Protein backbone atom coordinates (compact mmCIF):
# COMPACT_ATOMS: atom_id res chain seq x y z
CA UNK A 1 -8.98 -69.22 127.93
CA UNK A 2 -6.75 -68.38 131.29
CA UNK A 3 -6.94 -70.82 134.42
CA UNK A 4 -7.01 -68.94 137.53
CA UNK A 5 -7.18 -71.51 140.10
CA UNK A 6 -3.04 -71.09 140.01
CA UNK A 7 -2.49 -67.85 140.27
CA UNK A 8 -2.67 -65.51 143.16
CA UNK A 9 -5.56 -62.95 143.35
CA UNK A 10 -3.47 -60.31 141.92
CA UNK A 11 -1.56 -62.36 139.10
CA UNK A 12 -4.91 -63.26 137.95
CA UNK A 13 -6.10 -59.94 137.95
CA UNK A 14 -3.37 -58.70 135.33
CA UNK A 15 -4.02 -61.87 133.93
CA UNK A 16 -7.14 -61.29 132.70
CA UNK A 17 -6.12 -57.50 132.23
CA UNK A 18 -3.54 -58.09 129.44
CA UNK A 19 -6.17 -60.82 127.75
CA UNK A 20 -8.42 -57.70 127.48
CA UNK A 21 -6.04 -55.77 126.11
CA UNK A 22 -4.80 -58.58 123.34
CA UNK A 23 -8.08 -59.18 122.43
CA UNK A 24 -8.82 -59.63 118.32
CA UNK A 25 -10.43 -57.47 116.30
CA UNK A 26 -14.10 -58.74 116.19
CA UNK A 27 -16.78 -58.62 113.70
CA UNK A 28 -17.89 -55.29 114.78
CA UNK A 29 -14.43 -53.91 114.73
CA UNK A 30 -13.41 -52.14 111.36
CA UNK A 31 -9.70 -51.34 112.33
CA UNK A 32 -8.04 -50.56 108.72
CA UNK A 33 -8.52 -49.00 105.89
CA UNK A 34 -11.49 -50.64 103.98
CA UNK A 35 -12.23 -52.85 106.74
CA UNK A 36 -11.37 -55.99 108.17
CA UNK A 37 -10.24 -57.75 105.40
CA UNK A 38 -9.71 -54.63 103.40
CA UNK A 39 -11.84 -55.06 100.90
CA UNK A 40 -14.83 -52.28 101.61
CA UNK A 41 -16.84 -55.52 102.46
CA UNK A 42 -18.93 -55.87 105.66
CA UNK A 43 -20.18 -59.17 107.09
CA UNK A 44 -22.67 -57.42 109.16
CA UNK A 45 -26.75 -57.98 108.79
CA UNK A 46 -30.01 -57.10 109.87
CA UNK A 47 -29.43 -54.04 108.22
CA UNK A 48 -32.22 -51.15 107.16
CA UNK A 49 -33.54 -52.00 103.89
CA UNK A 50 -35.26 -48.61 103.74
CA UNK A 51 -34.67 -45.18 105.05
CA UNK A 52 -37.08 -42.94 107.08
CA UNK A 53 -37.75 -39.62 104.30
CA UNK A 54 -34.80 -37.80 106.49
CA UNK A 55 -32.43 -40.58 106.37
CA UNK A 56 -31.13 -42.82 109.21
CA UNK A 57 -31.48 -41.65 113.04
CA UNK A 58 -28.24 -39.67 113.42
CA UNK A 59 -26.45 -41.07 117.12
CA UNK A 60 -23.81 -38.07 117.28
CA UNK A 61 -21.62 -35.76 115.60
CA UNK A 62 -18.37 -34.51 115.71
CA UNK A 63 -16.55 -30.99 114.37
CA UNK A 64 -13.04 -32.19 112.85
CA UNK A 65 -10.78 -30.11 110.91
CA UNK A 66 -9.04 -30.51 107.17
CA UNK A 67 -8.56 -34.15 105.94
CA UNK A 68 -9.67 -37.05 103.97
CA UNK A 69 -8.74 -39.99 106.45
CA UNK A 70 -11.29 -42.66 106.77
CA UNK A 71 -12.47 -44.12 110.38
CA UNK A 72 -11.08 -47.03 111.91
CA UNK A 73 -13.01 -48.79 114.72
CA UNK A 74 -11.87 -51.08 117.23
CA UNK A 75 -12.85 -52.21 120.94
CA UNK A 76 -15.39 -49.60 121.41
CA UNK A 77 -13.05 -46.50 119.94
CA UNK A 78 -13.36 -44.41 116.87
CA UNK A 79 -10.00 -43.10 115.35
CA UNK A 80 -8.54 -40.79 112.75
CA UNK A 81 -7.31 -37.66 111.78
CA UNK A 82 -7.15 -34.23 110.67
CA UNK A 83 -5.43 -31.12 110.46
CA UNK A 84 -7.19 -27.43 112.33
CA UNK A 85 -4.43 -25.22 109.91
CA UNK A 86 -1.12 -25.63 112.24
CA UNK A 87 -0.56 -29.10 113.31
CA UNK A 88 -2.39 -32.55 112.59
CA UNK A 89 -3.79 -34.80 114.91
CA UNK A 90 -4.65 -38.38 115.42
CA UNK A 91 -7.65 -38.46 117.85
CA UNK A 92 -9.76 -40.95 119.61
CA UNK A 93 -13.74 -40.82 120.31
CA UNK A 94 -16.08 -42.77 122.27
CA UNK A 95 -18.35 -44.96 119.55
CA UNK A 96 -21.54 -44.90 121.91
CA UNK A 97 -21.26 -41.05 122.86
CA UNK A 98 -18.74 -39.42 120.56
CA UNK A 99 -16.99 -38.58 123.82
CA UNK A 100 -13.49 -37.71 122.84
CA UNK A 101 -10.99 -39.84 124.78
CA UNK A 102 -7.60 -38.05 123.73
CA UNK A 103 -6.03 -36.41 120.79
CA UNK A 104 -2.47 -36.40 119.59
CA UNK A 105 -0.07 -34.10 117.73
CA UNK A 106 1.40 -35.99 115.09
CA UNK A 107 2.76 -32.73 112.67
CA UNK A 108 2.59 -29.85 111.29
CA UNK A 109 -0.28 -29.21 109.15
CA UNK A 110 0.03 -30.19 105.21
CA UNK A 111 -1.68 -27.32 103.10
CA UNK A 112 -2.97 -28.16 99.75
CA UNK A 113 -5.37 -25.81 97.14
CA UNK A 114 -6.86 -29.75 96.90
CA UNK A 115 -8.07 -30.05 100.13
CA UNK A 116 -5.40 -29.61 103.36
CA UNK A 117 -5.09 -32.16 105.90
CA UNK A 118 -4.17 -35.95 106.52
CA UNK A 119 -5.05 -38.70 104.82
CA UNK A 120 -3.56 -41.75 105.59
CA UNK A 121 -6.28 -44.05 107.85
CA UNK A 122 -5.19 -45.50 111.49
CA UNK A 123 -4.25 -49.13 111.48
CA UNK A 124 -5.79 -50.48 115.02
CA UNK A 125 -4.29 -54.05 116.46
CA UNK A 126 -3.95 -55.55 119.89
CA UNK A 127 -3.91 -52.16 121.90
CA UNK A 128 -1.75 -49.82 119.64
CA UNK A 129 -3.22 -47.82 116.38
CA UNK A 130 -0.36 -46.86 113.98
CA UNK A 131 -0.78 -43.69 112.05
CA UNK A 132 1.01 -41.74 109.20
CA UNK A 133 1.35 -37.76 108.71
CA UNK A 134 0.51 -35.92 105.52
CA UNK A 135 4.41 -35.57 105.33
CA UNK A 136 5.53 -39.09 106.58
CA UNK A 137 5.75 -39.14 110.22
CA UNK A 138 4.83 -42.66 110.97
CA UNK A 139 3.84 -43.13 114.91
CA UNK A 140 2.97 -46.17 116.86
CA UNK A 141 0.60 -44.98 120.21
CA UNK A 142 -1.53 -47.00 122.38
CA UNK A 143 -5.07 -46.89 121.28
CA UNK A 144 -6.12 -46.67 124.96
CA UNK A 145 -4.15 -43.06 125.91
CA UNK A 146 -2.50 -41.77 122.40
CA UNK A 147 1.07 -42.55 124.23
CA UNK A 148 3.98 -42.82 122.10
CA UNK A 149 5.50 -46.27 121.91
CA UNK A 150 7.56 -45.22 119.05
CA UNK A 151 8.27 -43.21 116.15
CA UNK A 152 9.64 -42.45 113.00
CA UNK A 153 10.09 -39.61 110.30
CA UNK A 154 10.15 -41.63 106.93
CA UNK A 155 11.69 -38.76 105.07
CA UNK A 156 14.53 -37.80 107.49
CA UNK A 157 15.94 -41.62 108.25
CA UNK A 158 14.98 -43.14 104.94
CA UNK A 159 15.21 -40.60 102.27
CA UNK A 160 11.15 -41.24 101.99
CA UNK A 161 9.48 -38.69 99.20
CA UNK A 162 6.40 -36.88 99.87
CA UNK A 163 4.24 -37.52 97.05
CA UNK A 164 2.74 -34.20 95.18
CA UNK A 165 -0.72 -34.73 97.29
CA UNK A 166 0.99 -36.08 100.50
CA UNK A 167 1.16 -39.20 101.79
CA UNK A 168 -2.35 -41.30 101.83
CA UNK A 169 -1.03 -44.77 102.34
CA UNK A 170 -1.89 -46.57 105.49
CA UNK A 171 0.13 -49.35 106.96
CA UNK A 172 -0.18 -53.16 107.08
CA UNK A 173 -0.17 -55.86 109.88
CA UNK A 174 1.77 -59.30 108.65
CA UNK A 175 2.13 -61.17 111.82
CA UNK A 176 5.08 -59.30 113.92
CA UNK A 177 5.45 -56.47 111.05
CA UNK A 178 4.13 -53.38 109.81
CA UNK A 179 4.86 -52.90 106.41
CA UNK A 180 4.30 -49.68 104.17
CA UNK A 181 5.38 -47.87 101.51
CA UNK A 182 8.03 -45.08 101.86
CA UNK A 183 9.01 -44.64 98.71
CA UNK A 184 12.22 -44.29 100.36
CA UNK A 185 16.05 -43.86 99.00
CA UNK A 186 17.63 -46.72 96.58
CA UNK A 187 16.64 -50.24 98.08
CA UNK A 188 13.95 -48.02 100.64
CA UNK A 189 10.72 -47.78 98.97
CA UNK A 190 9.02 -50.65 100.81
CA UNK A 191 9.57 -51.00 104.30
CA UNK A 192 9.09 -53.21 107.43
CA UNK A 193 9.24 -52.58 111.22
CA UNK A 194 8.90 -54.48 113.62
CA UNK A 195 5.17 -53.36 114.77
CA UNK A 196 6.02 -53.66 118.78
CA UNK A 197 9.14 -51.83 118.75
CA UNK A 198 9.80 -50.07 115.51
CA UNK A 199 12.96 -51.63 114.50
CA UNK A 200 13.27 -51.76 110.50
CA UNK A 201 13.33 -55.74 109.56
CA UNK A 202 13.86 -55.05 105.79
CA UNK A 203 13.71 -52.79 102.63
CA UNK A 204 13.08 -53.71 99.19
CA UNK A 205 12.79 -51.84 95.85
CA UNK A 206 13.65 -48.39 94.63
CA UNK A 207 9.87 -47.50 93.08
CA UNK A 208 8.32 -44.18 93.14
CA UNK A 209 5.69 -43.83 95.94
CA UNK A 210 2.25 -44.39 95.84
CA UNK A 211 -0.67 -43.25 97.44
CA UNK A 212 -2.35 -47.16 98.02
CA UNK A 213 -2.39 -49.13 100.60
CA UNK A 214 -0.95 -52.73 100.32
CA UNK A 215 -2.91 -55.65 100.08
CA UNK A 216 -1.76 -59.14 101.50
CA UNK A 217 -3.25 -62.50 99.99
CA UNK A 218 -2.14 -66.11 98.92
CA UNK A 219 -1.99 -67.21 95.29
CA UNK A 220 -0.30 -69.59 93.26
CA UNK A 221 0.68 -71.67 96.77
CA UNK A 222 2.61 -68.52 98.37
CA UNK A 223 1.28 -65.81 100.49
CA UNK A 224 2.30 -62.24 99.64
CA UNK A 225 1.97 -58.72 99.94
CA UNK A 226 1.20 -56.21 96.68
CA UNK A 227 1.94 -52.68 96.75
CA UNK A 228 0.41 -50.17 94.07
CA UNK A 229 3.55 -47.90 93.93
CA UNK A 230 3.83 -45.04 91.66
CA UNK A 231 5.50 -46.72 89.02
CA UNK A 232 4.49 -50.80 89.24
CA UNK A 233 2.38 -53.14 90.95
CA UNK A 234 4.62 -55.39 93.03
CA UNK A 235 4.59 -58.57 94.73
CA UNK A 236 7.02 -59.10 97.68
CA UNK A 237 7.40 -61.94 100.45
CA UNK A 238 6.06 -60.01 103.56
CA UNK A 239 8.57 -62.14 105.61
CA UNK A 240 12.00 -60.96 103.66
CA UNK A 241 10.74 -57.74 100.85
CA UNK A 242 12.11 -60.13 98.04
CA UNK A 243 9.87 -59.83 94.92
CA UNK A 244 7.88 -62.09 93.58
CA UNK A 245 6.41 -60.26 90.48
CA UNK A 246 5.71 -57.03 89.10
CA UNK A 247 3.69 -55.20 86.53
CA UNK A 248 4.72 -51.85 85.02
CA UNK A 249 1.63 -49.60 85.76
CA UNK A 250 2.19 -45.73 84.67
CA UNK A 251 -0.43 -43.04 85.60
CA UNK A 252 -0.36 -39.73 85.01
CA UNK A 253 1.11 -37.88 88.20
CA UNK A 254 2.21 -40.86 89.89
CA UNK A 255 -1.21 -41.22 91.03
CA UNK A 256 -1.68 -45.18 91.85
CA UNK A 257 -4.13 -44.45 94.79
CA UNK A 258 -7.11 -47.12 94.84
CA UNK A 259 -6.33 -50.25 96.28
CA UNK A 260 -5.93 -53.39 94.45
CA UNK A 261 -8.60 -56.21 94.75
CA UNK A 262 -7.79 -60.18 95.21
CA UNK A 263 -10.41 -62.29 92.79
CA UNK A 264 -9.79 -65.31 94.58
CA UNK A 265 -8.36 -67.90 93.55
CA UNK A 266 -5.19 -66.58 91.71
CA UNK A 267 -6.36 -63.08 90.26
CA UNK A 268 -5.75 -59.33 91.32
CA UNK A 269 -7.78 -56.49 90.02
CA UNK A 270 -6.02 -53.08 89.71
CA UNK A 271 -7.19 -49.37 88.24
CA UNK A 272 -6.17 -45.97 87.89
CA UNK A 273 -7.47 -42.39 86.73
CA UNK A 274 -6.30 -40.27 84.78
CA UNK A 275 -7.73 -42.13 81.44
CA UNK A 276 -5.35 -45.20 82.62
CA UNK A 277 -8.20 -47.60 83.05
CA UNK A 278 -7.85 -51.34 84.68
CA UNK A 279 -6.80 -54.89 84.51
CA UNK A 280 -6.81 -58.29 86.17
CA UNK A 281 -3.49 -60.30 86.05
CA UNK A 282 -3.66 -63.78 87.13
CA UNK A 283 -0.88 -65.19 89.46
CA UNK A 284 1.05 -68.02 88.33
CA UNK A 285 4.03 -70.16 89.38
CA UNK A 286 6.85 -70.59 87.20
CA UNK A 287 9.57 -73.05 88.21
CA UNK A 288 10.91 -71.38 91.40
CA UNK A 289 9.53 -68.14 91.43
CA UNK A 290 6.21 -66.68 89.98
CA UNK A 291 4.72 -64.78 87.37
CA UNK A 292 1.78 -62.70 86.24
CA UNK A 293 -0.11 -62.97 83.05
CA UNK A 294 -2.93 -59.79 81.51
CA UNK A 295 -6.32 -61.83 81.73
CA UNK A 296 -7.70 -58.40 80.64
CA UNK A 297 -7.28 -54.78 80.51
CA UNK A 298 -10.11 -51.76 79.79
CA UNK A 299 -10.76 -47.92 80.26
CA UNK A 300 -14.60 -49.69 81.14
CA UNK A 301 -13.48 -48.72 85.18
CA UNK A 302 -10.97 -46.04 86.08
CA UNK A 303 -11.12 -45.80 89.95
CA UNK A 304 -9.22 -42.17 90.99
CA UNK A 305 -8.88 -42.55 94.70
CA UNK A 306 -11.43 -44.69 95.97
CA UNK A 307 -11.41 -48.38 95.40
CA UNK A 308 -13.93 -50.62 94.22
CA UNK A 309 -15.74 -53.54 96.00
CA UNK A 310 -15.91 -57.00 94.73
CA UNK A 311 -19.74 -58.86 95.51
CA UNK A 312 -20.30 -62.42 93.70
CA UNK A 313 -18.30 -61.62 90.93
CA UNK A 314 -18.76 -58.53 89.95
CA UNK A 315 -17.33 -55.08 90.69
CA UNK A 316 -18.68 -52.33 91.91
CA UNK A 317 -16.97 -48.47 91.84
CA UNK A 318 -16.47 -45.04 90.08
CA UNK A 319 -15.09 -45.14 86.78
CA UNK A 320 -13.95 -41.11 87.40
CA UNK A 321 -17.19 -39.26 88.05
CA UNK A 322 -20.05 -42.47 86.84
CA UNK A 323 -21.17 -45.09 88.95
CA UNK A 324 -20.42 -48.47 87.57
CA UNK A 325 -21.01 -52.37 87.72
CA UNK A 326 -18.64 -54.75 85.75
CA UNK A 327 -18.24 -58.39 85.35
CA UNK A 328 -14.63 -58.88 87.29
CA UNK A 329 -14.16 -61.68 84.80
CA UNK A 330 -14.30 -59.78 81.59
CA UNK A 331 -14.36 -56.13 82.28
CA UNK A 332 -17.62 -56.17 80.50
CA UNK A 333 -19.81 -53.61 81.90
CA UNK A 334 -23.03 -54.41 83.18
CA UNK A 335 -24.57 -50.97 84.12
CA UNK A 336 -23.61 -47.21 85.00
CA UNK A 337 -25.05 -44.57 87.01
CA UNK A 338 -24.15 -40.70 86.86
CA UNK A 339 -25.00 -37.90 89.54
CA UNK A 340 -22.57 -39.71 92.58
CA UNK A 341 -19.07 -37.98 90.75
CA UNK A 342 -16.17 -38.93 92.46
CA UNK A 343 -18.38 -40.97 94.98
CA UNK A 344 -17.52 -44.01 97.25
CA UNK A 345 -18.50 -46.95 98.94
CA UNK A 346 -18.47 -50.05 100.67
CA UNK A 347 -20.71 -53.31 100.90
CA UNK A 348 -23.08 -54.96 103.71
CA UNK A 349 -26.18 -57.44 103.72
CA UNK A 350 -26.62 -57.11 100.12
CA UNK A 351 -26.41 -53.66 99.37
CA UNK A 352 -23.93 -50.90 98.47
CA UNK A 353 -24.00 -47.88 100.45
CA UNK A 354 -22.62 -45.73 98.35
CA UNK A 355 -21.61 -41.90 99.23
CA UNK A 356 -21.23 -39.05 96.84
CA UNK A 357 -18.59 -36.00 96.19
CA UNK A 358 -21.20 -33.96 97.29
CA UNK A 359 -22.57 -35.20 100.43
CA UNK A 360 -25.34 -37.85 99.63
CA UNK A 361 -26.21 -40.91 100.76
CA UNK A 362 -27.85 -43.75 98.98
CA UNK A 363 -28.77 -47.31 99.47
CA UNK A 364 -28.23 -49.37 95.98
CA UNK A 365 -29.22 -52.87 95.72
CA UNK A 366 -25.58 -55.11 94.79
CA UNK A 367 -27.02 -56.56 91.32
CA UNK A 368 -25.25 -56.86 87.88
CA UNK A 369 -28.81 -56.40 86.46
CA UNK A 370 -29.44 -53.32 87.11
CA UNK A 371 -29.04 -49.92 89.01
CA UNK A 372 -31.53 -50.44 91.53
CA UNK A 373 -31.95 -47.61 94.75
CA UNK A 374 -33.70 -48.28 97.31
CA UNK A 375 -33.40 -45.48 99.48
CA UNK A 376 -31.51 -41.51 99.84
CA UNK A 377 -31.07 -39.14 101.92
CA UNK A 378 -28.53 -35.90 101.78
CA UNK A 379 -25.75 -35.96 104.91
CA UNK A 380 -23.53 -32.98 103.82
CA UNK A 381 -23.54 -30.19 102.04
CA UNK A 382 -19.85 -30.12 101.53
CA UNK A 383 -17.26 -32.22 99.87
CA UNK A 384 -17.38 -35.85 100.88
CA UNK A 385 -13.84 -38.29 99.55
CA UNK A 386 -13.90 -40.39 102.22
CA UNK A 387 -15.03 -43.52 102.14
CA UNK A 388 -18.28 -44.97 104.87
CA UNK A 389 -16.88 -47.22 107.77
CA UNK A 390 -19.79 -49.76 109.40
CA UNK A 391 -19.26 -51.10 112.65
CA UNK A 392 -22.12 -52.92 114.82
CA UNK A 393 -24.72 -51.54 113.02
CA UNK A 394 -23.32 -47.82 112.98
CA UNK A 395 -22.29 -45.97 109.97
CA UNK A 396 -19.33 -43.66 110.39
CA UNK A 397 -19.25 -40.57 107.34
CA UNK A 398 -16.84 -37.78 107.28
CA UNK A 399 -16.48 -34.58 105.19
CA UNK A 400 -13.70 -32.74 105.25
CA UNK A 401 -14.49 -30.89 108.60
CA UNK A 402 -17.40 -33.31 110.23
CA UNK A 403 -17.67 -36.73 111.41
CA UNK A 404 -21.45 -38.00 111.34
CA UNK A 405 -22.86 -41.34 113.00
CA UNK A 406 -25.77 -43.13 111.90
CA UNK A 407 -27.84 -46.18 113.34
CA UNK A 408 -28.67 -48.75 109.96
CA UNK A 409 -30.41 -50.88 112.79
CA UNK A 410 -33.17 -48.69 113.41
């Protein structure tokens, strides 16, 4: 709390304004890829347990361009990215009305016969939004206006390789550092920048770039960040980039895309497509260092690009085009359901909110006993590879061309 009694009126107003800008994310925010904790899990409650025949009420819609960037929400603003065939843009909307607040050109548009446009999801913190173009241009922008604070062209400055299907990683903030899997030249695969100035603070490893976003957690007494690169699952010290442990993980075309999932207190789940499958590793201390050991490995869950979610010891996700529930401890399959193709999902208020590849939205009870669908509606007649976002009772859904917002509180 700021005490104003010892300040001038002008100084007091300035202090209050600065405090407002520095407000942390609230429970109603979804400020990063896969949410506040990067696990696809929302703490929101009081959501509808059934839907009207035509689905939840639509609040607003916005026309976008090409792209698969997910939606981030912070302090009443909605952030995403899209391409218009010529350029890529970062854009902000008012969460209540859908009014566009600003738009910023990030790069030339990247064309792809699987789908053009940006792939990375904006990261929002303390009045700044960090965005990465599909060609590897990293920006820090003012979240209020889109004004550039700093920028770095990762391929030009660090020899970062643009993966076959474009840069898809989203950055991670750890303290004063912004971490990213850049896939740069020797010793510059993993990079950490000062989040306020953009100054390079450390560089580490020489890996093929992956498509996955880094994850921070504490296990075996060490806080660490794990990167799912194009060749390995590698854990490093977020302060220095020093490696803790590494598990080689080869996938066809280097498509390691789904985010790893931390299973407290000491395990991590990883999965990829192209018949690679999934595994759980236990993280252990060994002398002054750390090691990882395999708990189980199976082809029961092959996440192509969208990640699974962990709920009460069970993993729910997409094994290629089949929706499944598996036991996180053993990898045993509990149930499976076809029809969603390569869908995506999040968890909230006892239920899985599932979006199919063809725009069908379903509400499914999160139970390992059986597949129990509570509601279903069609929201798009288009390809939908982008995962849902939930903030303040509003569900944000994106196709390749549109953003639709639904009211899940009725």
